[in-house]
């Protein structure tokens, strides 16, 4: 009986290893392309990550301005549509587009850039 148990253990371990070895072989030969620029849908590139965070901040600003009654529903929809059209992985051009959208949001809420001495409200182009 003692010689029978080691033979069963050896056979069981071999049968258990066969599926694992074939799975390993398949995995080694059919590797999927790994996207090294993103991890868990967050860009690894610092510039793209900054653009994504800035874009999310502008979108939150649009929602907050709409809830506070600073902009109309149509203005919010238009600004959000423009925000959705920006691809944050576009590098410097994306950051420029986000800054322009942020300025449009500030202008729409009455918090635009002051120009001149402020006697006429100071908003460009009237300043």
N, C-alpha and C. Protein backbone atom coordinates (compact mmCIF):
# COMPACT_ATOMS: atom_id res chain seq x y z
N UNK A 1 0.81 -1.19 0.00
CA UNK A 1 0.00 0.00 0.00
C UNK A 1 0.86 1.26 0.00
N UNK A 2 2.03 1.14 0.66
CA UNK A 2 2.89 2.31 0.74
C UNK A 2 3.45 2.71 -0.63
N UNK A 3 3.74 1.80 -1.48
CA UNK A 3 4.29 2.13 -2.79
C UNK A 3 3.22 2.67 -3.74
N UNK A 4 1.98 2.39 -3.43
CA UNK A 4 0.88 2.86 -4.26
C UNK A 4 0.64 4.36 -4.08
N UNK A 5 0.75 4.94 -2.90
CA UNK A 5 0.49 6.34 -2.61
C UNK A 5 1.46 7.28 -3.33
N UNK A 6 2.76 7.05 -3.32
CA UNK A 6 3.66 7.95 -4.06
C UNK A 6 3.39 7.95 -5.56
N UNK A 7 2.98 6.81 -6.11
CA UNK A 7 2.67 6.76 -7.53
C UNK A 7 1.44 7.61 -7.85
N UNK A 8 0.46 7.58 -6.99
CA UNK A 8 -0.76 8.40 -7.19
C UNK A 8 -0.42 9.88 -7.06
N UNK A 9 0.38 10.21 -6.09
CA UNK A 9 0.77 11.62 -5.89
C UNK A 9 1.56 12.11 -7.10
N UNK A 10 2.48 11.31 -7.61
CA UNK A 10 3.27 11.71 -8.78
C UNK A 10 2.38 11.87 -10.01
N UNK A 11 1.46 10.95 -10.22
CA UNK A 11 0.56 11.04 -11.38
C UNK A 11 -0.37 12.25 -11.25
N UNK A 12 -0.87 12.49 -10.07
CA UNK A 12 -1.77 13.64 -9.86
C UNK A 12 -1.04 14.96 -10.11
N UNK A 13 0.20 15.04 -9.65
CA UNK A 13 0.93 16.29 -9.86
C UNK A 13 1.24 16.51 -11.34
N UNK A 14 1.51 15.44 -12.07
CA UNK A 14 1.76 15.58 -13.51
C UNK A 14 0.49 16.02 -14.23
N UNK A 15 -0.63 15.36 -13.90
CA UNK A 15 -1.90 15.74 -14.54
C UNK A 15 -2.31 17.17 -14.17
N UNK A 16 -1.97 17.60 -13.00
CA UNK A 16 -2.30 18.97 -12.58
C UNK A 16 -1.42 20.00 -13.29
N UNK A 17 -0.20 19.62 -13.62
CA UNK A 17 0.73 20.56 -14.25
C UNK A 17 0.49 20.72 -15.75
N UNK A 18 -0.11 19.75 -16.39
CA UNK A 18 -0.31 19.82 -17.84
C UNK A 18 -1.15 21.02 -18.26
N UNK A 19 -2.33 21.28 -17.66
CA UNK A 19 -3.10 22.46 -18.09
C UNK A 19 -2.37 23.77 -17.82
N UNK A 20 -1.63 23.82 -16.74
CA UNK A 20 -0.90 25.05 -16.43
C UNK A 20 0.21 25.31 -17.44
N UNK A 21 0.92 24.27 -17.85
CA UNK A 21 2.00 24.47 -18.80
C UNK A 21 1.47 24.88 -20.17
N UNK A 22 0.35 24.32 -20.58
CA UNK A 22 -0.20 24.72 -21.88
C UNK A 22 -0.76 26.14 -21.83
N UNK A 23 -1.33 26.52 -20.72
CA UNK A 23 -1.80 27.90 -20.60
C UNK A 23 -0.64 28.88 -20.63
N UNK A 24 0.47 28.51 -20.00
CA UNK A 24 1.65 29.35 -20.02
C UNK A 24 2.20 29.47 -21.43
N UNK A 25 2.23 28.37 -22.17
CA UNK A 25 2.74 28.39 -23.54
C UNK A 25 1.87 29.27 -24.43
N UNK A 26 0.56 29.17 -24.30
CA UNK A 26 -0.34 30.00 -25.10
C UNK A 26 -0.13 31.48 -24.76
N UNK A 27 0.00 31.77 -23.48
CA UNK A 27 0.20 33.15 -23.06
C UNK A 27 1.50 33.73 -23.61
N UNK A 28 2.55 32.93 -23.64
CA UNK A 28 3.85 33.40 -24.12
C UNK A 28 3.84 33.69 -25.62
N UNK A 29 3.02 32.95 -26.39
CA UNK A 29 3.03 33.10 -27.84
C UNK A 29 2.01 34.11 -28.34
N UNK A 30 0.98 34.41 -27.58
CA UNK A 30 -0.07 35.32 -28.01
C UNK A 30 -0.18 36.48 -27.04
N UNK A 31 0.82 37.30 -27.01
CA UNK A 31 0.80 38.44 -26.10
C UNK A 31 -0.06 39.55 -26.68
N UNK A 32 -0.86 40.12 -25.84
CA UNK A 32 -1.67 41.27 -26.25
C UNK A 32 -0.81 42.52 -26.15
N UNK A 33 -1.09 43.47 -27.02
CA UNK A 33 -0.36 44.73 -26.99
C UNK A 33 -0.74 45.49 -25.72
N UNK A 34 0.25 45.92 -24.98
CA UNK A 34 0.03 46.63 -23.73
C UNK A 34 0.22 48.12 -23.99
N UNK A 35 -0.75 48.90 -23.58
CA UNK A 35 -0.67 50.35 -23.74
C UNK A 35 0.10 50.91 -22.55
N UNK A 36 1.34 51.32 -22.81
CA UNK A 36 2.18 51.82 -21.71
C UNK A 36 1.93 53.28 -21.39
N UNK A 37 1.10 53.94 -22.17
CA UNK A 37 0.83 55.36 -21.92
C UNK A 37 -0.32 55.57 -20.94
N UNK A 38 -1.11 54.55 -20.70
CA UNK A 38 -2.22 54.71 -19.76
C UNK A 38 -2.22 53.58 -18.76
N UNK A 39 -2.66 53.89 -17.57
CA UNK A 39 -2.81 52.90 -16.52
C UNK A 39 -4.14 53.15 -15.86
N UNK A 40 -5.01 52.18 -15.90
CA UNK A 40 -6.36 52.30 -15.30
C UNK A 40 -7.07 53.53 -15.85
N UNK A 41 -6.95 53.74 -17.15
CA UNK A 41 -7.58 54.84 -17.89
C UNK A 41 -7.08 56.22 -17.50
N UNK A 42 -5.99 56.32 -16.75
CA UNK A 42 -5.39 57.61 -16.43
C UNK A 42 -4.08 57.72 -17.21
N UNK A 43 -3.91 58.80 -17.97
CA UNK A 43 -2.70 58.94 -18.77
C UNK A 43 -1.44 58.97 -17.91
N UNK A 44 -0.38 58.28 -18.35
CA UNK A 44 0.88 58.27 -17.64
C UNK A 44 1.73 59.48 -18.00
N UNK A 45 1.51 60.05 -19.16
CA UNK A 45 2.24 61.24 -19.61
C UNK A 45 1.83 62.41 -18.71
N UNK A 46 2.78 63.10 -18.07
CA UNK A 46 2.43 64.17 -17.15
C UNK A 46 1.62 65.30 -17.82
N UNK A 47 1.94 65.61 -19.06
CA UNK A 47 1.22 66.68 -19.75
C UNK A 47 -0.22 66.27 -20.04
N UNK A 48 -0.41 65.03 -20.46
CA UNK A 48 -1.77 64.54 -20.72
C UNK A 48 -2.55 64.42 -19.42
N UNK A 49 -1.89 64.01 -18.36
CA UNK A 49 -2.56 63.91 -17.06
C UNK A 49 -2.99 65.30 -16.58
N UNK A 50 -2.11 66.29 -16.74
CA UNK A 50 -2.45 67.65 -16.33
C UNK A 50 -3.62 68.18 -17.16
N UNK A 51 -3.60 67.90 -18.45
CA UNK A 51 -4.70 68.35 -19.32
C UNK A 51 -6.01 67.67 -18.93
N UNK A 52 -5.95 66.39 -18.59
CA UNK A 52 -7.16 65.67 -18.18
C UNK A 52 -7.72 66.26 -16.90
N UNK A 53 -6.86 66.51 -15.92
CA UNK A 53 -7.32 67.09 -14.65
C UNK A 53 -7.86 68.50 -14.85
N UNK A 54 -7.21 69.28 -15.71
CA UNK A 54 -7.67 70.64 -15.97
C UNK A 54 -9.03 70.61 -16.68
N UNK A 55 -9.20 69.70 -17.62
CA UNK A 55 -10.46 69.58 -18.33
C UNK A 55 -11.58 69.16 -17.38
N UNK A 56 -11.29 68.21 -16.49
CA UNK A 56 -12.29 67.80 -15.50
C UNK A 56 -12.66 68.97 -14.58
N UNK A 57 -11.69 69.81 -14.24
CA UNK A 57 -11.96 70.99 -13.42
C UNK A 57 -12.86 72.00 -14.13
N UNK A 58 -12.63 72.19 -15.42
CA UNK A 58 -13.46 73.12 -16.19
C UNK A 58 -14.89 72.57 -16.31
N UNK A 59 -15.01 71.27 -16.52
CA UNK A 59 -16.35 70.66 -16.60
C UNK A 59 -17.09 70.82 -15.28
N UNK A 60 -16.37 70.63 -14.17
CA UNK A 60 -17.00 70.84 -12.86
C UNK A 60 -17.38 72.30 -12.69
N UNK A 61 -16.56 73.20 -13.19
CA UNK A 61 -16.89 74.63 -13.12
C UNK A 61 -18.15 74.96 -13.91
N UNK A 62 -18.32 74.32 -15.05
CA UNK A 62 -19.52 74.53 -15.86
C UNK A 62 -20.75 74.06 -15.08
N UNK A 63 -20.65 72.88 -14.47
CA UNK A 63 -21.78 72.36 -13.69
C UNK A 63 -22.10 73.26 -12.50
N UNK A 64 -21.06 73.71 -11.82
CA UNK A 64 -21.24 74.57 -10.65
C UNK A 64 -21.86 75.91 -11.05
N UNK A 65 -21.38 76.49 -12.15
CA UNK A 65 -21.93 77.77 -12.62
C UNK A 65 -23.39 77.62 -13.01
N UNK A 66 -23.75 76.50 -13.61
CA UNK A 66 -25.14 76.27 -13.98
C UNK A 66 -26.01 76.12 -12.74
N UNK A 67 -25.54 75.36 -11.75
CA UNK A 67 -26.30 75.17 -10.52
C UNK A 67 -26.45 76.46 -9.74
N UNK A 68 -25.45 77.33 -9.82
CA UNK A 68 -25.52 78.61 -9.12
C UNK A 68 -26.32 79.65 -9.87
N UNK A 69 -26.74 79.34 -11.10
CA UNK A 69 -27.53 80.27 -11.89
C UNK A 69 -26.70 81.35 -12.57
N UNK A 70 -25.40 81.16 -12.65
CA UNK A 70 -24.52 82.14 -13.30
C UNK A 70 -24.60 82.07 -14.82
N UNK A 71 -24.94 80.89 -15.35
CA UNK A 71 -25.08 80.72 -16.79
C UNK A 71 -26.39 79.99 -17.06
N UNK A 72 -26.90 80.15 -18.27
CA UNK A 72 -28.15 79.49 -18.64
C UNK A 72 -27.89 78.03 -19.01
N UNK A 73 -28.96 77.29 -19.14
CA UNK A 73 -28.85 75.89 -19.54
C UNK A 73 -28.24 75.77 -20.93
N UNK A 74 -28.61 76.68 -21.84
CA UNK A 74 -28.05 76.65 -23.20
C UNK A 74 -26.56 76.94 -23.19
N UNK A 75 -26.14 77.91 -22.37
CA UNK A 75 -24.71 78.21 -22.27
C UNK A 75 -23.95 77.02 -21.70
N UNK A 76 -24.51 76.40 -20.68
CA UNK A 76 -23.86 75.24 -20.07
C UNK A 76 -23.75 74.10 -21.07
N UNK A 77 -24.81 73.87 -21.83
CA UNK A 77 -24.79 72.79 -22.82
C UNK A 77 -23.74 73.08 -23.89
N UNK A 78 -23.67 74.34 -24.35
CA UNK A 78 -22.69 74.70 -25.37
C UNK A 78 -21.26 74.56 -24.85
N UNK A 79 -21.01 75.03 -23.63
CA UNK A 79 -19.67 74.92 -23.06
C UNK A 79 -19.29 73.45 -22.82
N UNK A 80 -20.25 72.66 -22.38
CA UNK A 80 -19.97 71.24 -22.12
C UNK A 80 -19.70 70.50 -23.44
N UNK A 81 -20.41 70.89 -24.49
CA UNK A 81 -20.18 70.30 -25.81
C UNK A 81 -18.76 70.62 -26.27
N UNK A 82 -18.34 71.86 -26.06
CA UNK A 82 -16.97 72.25 -26.43
C UNK A 82 -15.95 71.47 -25.60
N UNK A 83 -16.24 71.28 -24.32
CA UNK A 83 -15.33 70.54 -23.45
C UNK A 83 -15.22 69.08 -23.90
N UNK A 84 -16.34 68.49 -24.29
CA UNK A 84 -16.33 67.10 -24.73
C UNK A 84 -15.55 66.92 -26.03
N UNK A 85 -15.44 67.97 -26.83
CA UNK A 85 -14.73 67.88 -28.11
C UNK A 85 -13.21 67.94 -27.93
N UNK A 86 -12.74 68.35 -26.76
CA UNK A 86 -11.30 68.47 -26.52
C UNK A 86 -10.74 67.10 -26.14
N UNK A 87 -9.68 66.70 -26.82
CA UNK A 87 -8.98 65.45 -26.50
C UNK A 87 -7.79 65.80 -25.61
N UNK A 88 -7.82 65.45 -24.32
CA UNK A 88 -6.76 65.86 -23.40
C UNK A 88 -5.39 65.27 -23.71
N UNK A 89 -5.31 64.28 -24.58
CA UNK A 89 -4.01 63.70 -24.93
C UNK A 89 -3.35 64.48 -26.06
N UNK A 90 -3.92 65.59 -26.46
CA UNK A 90 -3.40 66.38 -27.57
C UNK A 90 -2.21 67.24 -27.25
N UNK A 91 -1.66 67.15 -26.04
CA UNK A 91 -0.47 67.91 -25.69
C UNK A 91 -0.76 69.37 -25.43
N UNK A 92 0.15 70.22 -25.88
CA UNK A 92 0.04 71.65 -25.61
C UNK A 92 -1.19 72.29 -26.27
N UNK A 93 -1.57 71.78 -27.42
CA UNK A 93 -2.74 72.35 -28.09
C UNK A 93 -4.00 72.07 -27.25
N UNK A 94 -4.05 70.91 -26.60
CA UNK A 94 -5.20 70.60 -25.75
C UNK A 94 -5.24 71.53 -24.56
N UNK A 95 -4.11 71.81 -23.96
CA UNK A 95 -4.07 72.72 -22.81
C UNK A 95 -4.49 74.12 -23.25
N UNK A 96 -4.07 74.54 -24.44
CA UNK A 96 -4.51 75.84 -24.95
C UNK A 96 -6.01 75.88 -25.17
N UNK A 97 -6.57 74.80 -25.72
CA UNK A 97 -8.02 74.75 -25.92
C UNK A 97 -8.77 74.77 -24.59
N UNK A 98 -8.23 74.08 -23.60
CA UNK A 98 -8.86 74.06 -22.28
C UNK A 98 -8.81 75.44 -21.65
N UNK A 99 -7.69 76.14 -21.80
CA UNK A 99 -7.58 77.50 -21.26
C UNK A 99 -8.56 78.45 -21.94
N UNK A 100 -8.72 78.30 -23.25
CA UNK A 100 -9.69 79.14 -23.97
C UNK A 100 -11.10 78.85 -23.50
N UNK A 101 -11.43 77.58 -23.28
CA UNK A 101 -12.75 77.21 -22.78
C UNK A 101 -12.96 77.75 -21.38
N UNK A 102 -11.94 77.68 -20.55
CA UNK A 102 -12.03 78.22 -19.19
C UNK A 102 -12.28 79.73 -19.23
N UNK A 103 -11.62 80.41 -20.15
CA UNK A 103 -11.83 81.86 -20.27
C UNK A 103 -13.26 82.15 -20.74
N UNK A 104 -13.78 81.35 -21.66
CA UNK A 104 -15.18 81.53 -22.10
C UNK A 104 -16.14 81.32 -20.94
N UNK A 105 -15.85 80.35 -20.09
CA UNK A 105 -16.68 80.12 -18.91
C UNK A 105 -16.61 81.32 -17.97
N UNK A 106 -15.43 81.86 -17.76
CA UNK A 106 -15.28 83.04 -16.90
C UNK A 106 -16.03 84.24 -17.48
N UNK A 107 -15.93 84.40 -18.79
CA UNK A 107 -16.65 85.51 -19.43
C UNK A 107 -18.16 85.33 -19.29
N UNK A 108 -18.63 84.10 -19.45
CA UNK A 108 -20.07 83.83 -19.36
C UNK A 108 -20.60 84.06 -17.95
N UNK A 109 -19.76 83.81 -16.94
CA UNK A 109 -20.20 84.00 -15.55
C UNK A 109 -19.94 85.40 -15.04
N UNK A 110 -19.33 86.25 -15.86
CA UNK A 110 -19.04 87.61 -15.43
C UNK A 110 -17.75 87.75 -14.67
N UNK A 111 -16.88 86.78 -14.76
CA UNK A 111 -15.60 86.83 -14.05
C UNK A 111 -14.44 86.82 -15.03
N UNK A 112 -14.64 87.46 -16.17
CA UNK A 112 -13.61 87.48 -17.20
C UNK A 112 -12.41 88.32 -16.81
N UNK A 113 -11.44 88.41 -17.72
CA UNK A 113 -10.21 89.15 -17.48
C UNK A 113 -10.47 90.65 -17.49
N UNK A 114 -9.99 91.32 -16.47
CA UNK A 114 -10.11 92.78 -16.40
C UNK A 114 -9.06 93.43 -17.29
N UNK A 115 -9.48 94.49 -17.99
CA UNK A 115 -8.57 95.27 -18.83
C UNK A 115 -8.84 96.74 -18.52
N UNK A 116 -7.84 97.56 -18.68
CA UNK A 116 -8.03 99.00 -18.47
C UNK A 116 -8.09 99.36 -17.00
N UNK A 117 -8.67 100.55 -16.71
CA UNK A 117 -8.68 101.04 -15.33
C UNK A 117 -9.90 100.58 -14.53
N UNK A 118 -10.83 99.90 -15.16
CA UNK A 118 -11.98 99.37 -14.46
C UNK A 118 -13.15 100.33 -14.36
N UNK A 119 -13.00 101.54 -14.88
CA UNK A 119 -14.09 102.52 -14.76
C UNK A 119 -15.31 102.13 -15.56
N UNK A 120 -15.14 101.35 -16.60
CA UNK A 120 -16.28 100.92 -17.42
C UNK A 120 -16.60 99.43 -17.22
N UNK A 121 -16.20 98.90 -16.08
CA UNK A 121 -16.42 97.47 -15.81
C UNK A 121 -15.18 96.68 -16.06
N UNK A 122 -14.30 97.18 -16.93
CA UNK A 122 -12.99 96.59 -17.13
C UNK A 122 -12.95 95.32 -17.93
N UNK A 123 -14.05 94.91 -18.54
CA UNK A 123 -14.02 93.67 -19.30
C UNK A 123 -13.66 93.93 -20.75
N UNK A 124 -12.78 93.09 -21.28
CA UNK A 124 -12.43 93.16 -22.69
C UNK A 124 -13.61 92.64 -23.49
N UNK A 125 -13.96 93.22 -24.60
CA UNK A 125 -13.31 94.28 -25.36
C UNK A 125 -13.79 95.69 -24.99
N UNK A 126 -14.67 95.80 -24.00
CA UNK A 126 -15.20 97.12 -23.65
C UNK A 126 -14.24 97.94 -22.80
N UNK A 127 -13.18 97.33 -22.27
CA UNK A 127 -12.26 97.99 -21.37
C UNK A 127 -11.26 98.78 -22.10
